Amino acid sequence: MIDKSNLPPCPVETTLMLIGDKWKVLIIRDLRDGTKRFGELKKSLPGISQKVLTANLRDMEENGLLTRETFPEVPPRVEYTLTELGCSMFPILDAMAKWGTEYKASRS
């Protein structure tokens, strides 16, 4: 969890502390459409290990970007949903998508 009393003076660095990891940005992208189960997230992120996905989800939950709901079923069902804070990252993802599209177009 990020210590709010010790945040860097640069707001860009603060943002990178929260979503600087490649997987966290992609998790936000995938949860943008709504709640997903762990297995759904794992399938949508080729190359991520279960351990890394779990660590990223826990970190994002601790930092208030998403919520984790566990259902007492057999087998247990766990669902992840973006919080309001997590949804506030959408403009950042939109800007990244726009820039990436323009970059790809300029290289073809």
C-alpha atoms as a PDB file:
ATOM      1  CA  MET A   1       0.000   0.000   0.000  1.00  0.00           C
ATOM      2  CA  ILE A   2       1.228   3.469  -0.820  1.00  0.00           C
ATOM      3  CA  ASP A   3       1.960   5.592   2.234  1.00  0.00           C
ATOM      4  CA  LYS A   4      -0.113   8.735   1.606  1.00  0.00           C
ATOM      5  CA  SER A   5       2.017  10.759   4.004  1.00  0.00           C
ATOM      6  CA  ASN A   6       5.108  10.050   1.910  1.00  0.00           C
ATOM      7  CA  LEU A   7       3.885  10.701  -1.643  1.00  0.00           C
ATOM      8  CA  PRO A   8       6.371  12.139  -4.128  1.00  0.00           C
ATOM      9  CA  PRO A   9       6.054  15.838  -4.967  1.00  0.00           C
ATOM     10  CA  CYS A  10       5.520  15.041  -8.653  1.00  0.00           C
ATOM     11  CA  PRO A  11       1.904  14.018  -9.469  1.00  0.00           C
ATOM     12  CA  VAL A  12       3.080  11.997 -12.481  1.00  0.00           C
ATOM     13  CA  GLU A  13       5.289   9.936 -10.186  1.00  0.00           C
ATOM     14  CA  THR A  14       2.343   9.407  -7.824  1.00  0.00           C
ATOM     15  CA  THR A  15       0.251   8.095 -10.723  1.00  0.00           C
ATOM     16  CA  LEU A  16       3.077   5.808 -11.812  1.00  0.00           C
ATOM     17  CA  MET A  17       3.312   4.437  -8.275  1.00  0.00           C
ATOM     18  CA  LEU A  18      -0.315   3.324  -8.611  1.00  0.00           C
ATOM     19  CA  ILE A  19      -0.425   2.070 -12.203  1.00  0.00           C
ATOM     20  CA  GLY A  20       3.166   2.088 -13.455  1.00  0.00           C
ATOM     21  CA  ASP A  21       3.136  -1.671 -13.818  1.00  0.00           C
ATOM     22  CA  LYS A  22       2.064  -2.912 -17.260  1.00  0.00           C
ATOM     23  CA  TRP A  23      -0.342  -5.416 -15.758  1.00  0.00           C
ATOM     24  CA  LYS A  24      -2.185  -2.889 -13.584  1.00  0.00           C
ATOM     25  CA  VAL A  25      -3.082  -0.746 -16.569  1.00  0.00           C
ATOM     26  CA  LEU A  26      -4.326  -3.812 -18.427  1.00  0.00           C
ATOM     27  CA  ILE A  27      -6.337  -4.969 -15.404  1.00  0.00           C
ATOM     28  CA  ILE A  28      -8.052  -1.562 -15.302  1.00  0.00           C
ATOM     29  CA  ARG A  29      -8.688  -1.859 -19.051  1.00  0.00           C
ATOM     30  CA  ASP A  30     -10.307  -5.261 -18.601  1.00  0.00           C
ATOM     31  CA  LEU A  31     -12.414  -4.218 -15.604  1.00  0.00           C
ATOM     32  CA  ARG A  32     -13.635  -1.146 -17.439  1.00  0.00           C
ATOM     33  CA  ASP A  33     -16.496  -3.194 -18.895  1.00  0.00           C
ATOM     34  CA  GLY A  34     -17.563  -4.393 -15.451  1.00  0.00           C
ATOM     35  CA  THR A  35     -16.961  -6.975 -12.772  1.00  0.00           C
ATOM     36  CA  LYS A  36     -14.793  -9.963 -13.666  1.00  0.00           C
ATOM     37  CA  ARG A  37     -13.781 -13.182 -11.962  1.00  0.00           C
ATOM     38  CA  PHE A  38     -10.140 -14.107 -11.409  1.00  0.00           C
ATOM     39  CA  GLY A  39     -10.197 -16.690 -14.219  1.00  0.00           C
ATOM     40  CA  GLU A  40     -11.634 -14.195 -16.685  1.00  0.00           C
ATOM     41  CA  LEU A  41      -8.855 -11.726 -15.888  1.00  0.00           C
ATOM     42  CA  LYS A  42      -6.211 -14.454 -16.199  1.00  0.00           C
ATOM     43  CA  LYS A  43      -7.525 -15.438 -19.655  1.00  0.00           C
ATOM     44  CA  SER A  44      -7.595 -11.831 -20.864  1.00  0.00           C
ATOM     45  CA  LEU A  45      -3.953 -11.238 -19.869  1.00  0.00           C
ATOM     46  CA  PRO A  46      -1.810 -13.696 -21.821  1.00  0.00           C
ATOM     47  CA  GLY A  47       1.596 -14.122 -20.259  1.00  0.00           C
ATOM     48  CA  ILE A  48       0.698 -13.172 -16.696  1.00  0.00           C
ATOM     49  CA  SER A  49       1.266 -15.793 -14.034  1.00  0.00           C
ATOM     50  CA  GLN A  50      -1.294 -16.526 -11.349  1.00  0.00           C
ATOM     51  CA  LYS A  51       1.163 -15.263  -8.713  1.00  0.00           C
ATOM     52  CA  VAL A  52       1.743 -11.931 -10.486  1.00  0.00           C
ATOM     53  CA  LEU A  53      -1.979 -11.419 -11.146  1.00  0.00           C
ATOM     54  CA  THR A  54      -2.795 -12.119  -7.496  1.00  0.00           C
ATOM     55  CA  ALA A  55      -0.080  -9.718  -6.292  1.00  0.00           C
ATOM     56  CA  ASN A  56      -1.268  -6.948  -8.625  1.00  0.00           C
ATOM     57  CA  LEU A  57      -4.917  -7.399  -7.653  1.00  0.00           C
ATOM     58  CA  ARG A  58      -4.032  -7.287  -3.942  1.00  0.00           C
ATOM     59  CA  ASP A  59      -1.939  -4.160  -4.414  1.00  0.00           C
ATOM     60  CA  MET A  60      -4.704  -2.456  -6.396  1.00  0.00           C
ATOM     61  CA  GLU A  61      -7.238  -3.395  -3.721  1.00  0.00           C
ATOM     62  CA  GLU A  62      -4.998  -2.010  -0.952  1.00  0.00           C
ATOM     63  CA  ASN A  63      -4.650   1.250  -2.882  1.00  0.00           C
ATOM     64  CA  GLY A  64      -8.399   1.582  -3.386  1.00  0.00           C
ATOM     65  CA  LEU A  65      -8.506   1.010  -7.159  1.00  0.00           C
ATOM     66  CA  LEU A  66     -10.709  -2.080  -7.021  1.00  0.00           C
ATOM     67  CA  THR A  67     -12.779  -4.169  -4.678  1.00  0.00           C
ATOM     68  CA  ARG A  68     -12.640  -7.912  -4.167  1.00  0.00           C
ATOM     69  CA  GLU A  69     -15.788  -9.815  -3.270  1.00  0.00           C
ATOM     70  CA  THR A  70     -15.636 -13.436  -2.174  1.00  0.00           C
ATOM     71  CA  PHE A  71     -18.716 -15.637  -2.352  1.00  0.00           C
ATOM     72  CA  PRO A  72     -19.019 -18.582   0.040  1.00  0.00           C
ATOM     73  CA  GLU A  73     -19.456 -21.256  -2.586  1.00  0.00           C
ATOM     74  CA  VAL A  74     -17.657 -24.448  -3.494  1.00  0.00           C
ATOM     75  CA  PRO A  75     -15.427 -23.766  -5.286  1.00  0.00           C
ATOM     76  CA  PRO A  76     -15.073 -20.198  -3.946  1.00  0.00           C
ATOM     77  CA  ARG A  77     -16.013 -17.460  -6.375  1.00  0.00           C
ATOM     78  CA  VAL A  78     -14.093 -14.176  -6.269  1.00  0.00           C
ATOM     79  CA  GLU A  79     -15.068 -11.099  -8.267  1.00  0.00           C
ATOM     80  CA  TYR A  80     -13.186  -7.868  -8.870  1.00  0.00           C
ATOM     81  CA  THR A  81     -14.771  -4.493  -9.581  1.00  0.00           C
ATOM     82  CA  LEU A  82     -13.229  -1.077 -10.105  1.00  0.00           C
ATOM     83  CA  THR A  83     -13.943   1.505  -7.439  1.00  0.00           C
ATOM     84  CA  GLU A  84     -14.781   5.118  -8.205  1.00  0.00           C
ATOM     85  CA  LEU A  85     -11.069   5.867  -7.834  1.00  0.00           C
ATOM     86  CA  GLY A  86     -10.232   3.077 -10.289  1.00  0.00           C
ATOM     87  CA  CYS A  87     -12.813   4.412 -12.760  1.00  0.00           C
ATOM     88  CA  SER A  88     -11.225   7.852 -12.492  1.00  0.00           C
ATOM     89  CA  MET A  89      -8.267   6.339 -14.401  1.00  0.00           C
ATOM     90  CA  PHE A  90     -10.370   5.987 -17.594  1.00  0.00           C
ATOM     91  CA  PRO A  91      -9.209   9.336 -19.081  1.00  0.00           C
ATOM     92  CA  ILE A  92      -5.604   8.187 -18.644  1.00  0.00           C
ATOM     93  CA  LEU A  93      -6.329   4.940 -20.486  1.00  0.00           C
ATOM     94  CA  ASP A  94      -8.234   6.843 -23.182  1.00  0.00           C
ATOM     95  CA  ALA A  95      -5.245   9.138 -23.708  1.00  0.00           C
ATOM     96  CA  MET A  96      -2.905   6.142 -23.866  1.00  0.00           C
ATOM     97  CA  ALA A  97      -5.156   4.425 -26.431  1.00  0.00           C
ATOM     98  CA  LYS A  98      -5.342   7.570 -28.565  1.00  0.00           C
ATOM     99  CA  TRP A  99      -1.586   8.062 -28.455  1.00  0.00           C
ATOM    100  CA  GLY A 100      -0.941   4.377 -29.248  1.00  0.00           C
ATOM    101  CA  THR A 101      -3.311   4.478 -32.220  1.00  0.00           C
ATOM    102  CA  GLU A 102      -1.644   7.598 -33.588  1.00  0.00           C
ATOM    103  CA  TYR A 103       1.811   6.137 -33.059  1.00  0.00           C
ATOM    104  CA  LYS A 104       0.918   2.920 -34.879  1.00  0.00           C
ATOM    105  CA  ALA A 105      -0.575   4.947 -37.769  1.00  0.00           C
ATOM    106  CA  SER A 106       2.575   7.049 -38.057  1.00  0.00           C
ATOM    107  CA  ARG A 107       4.718   3.911 -38.314  1.00  0.00           C
ATOM    108  CA  SER A 108       2.784   2.222 -41.125  1.00  0.00           C
END
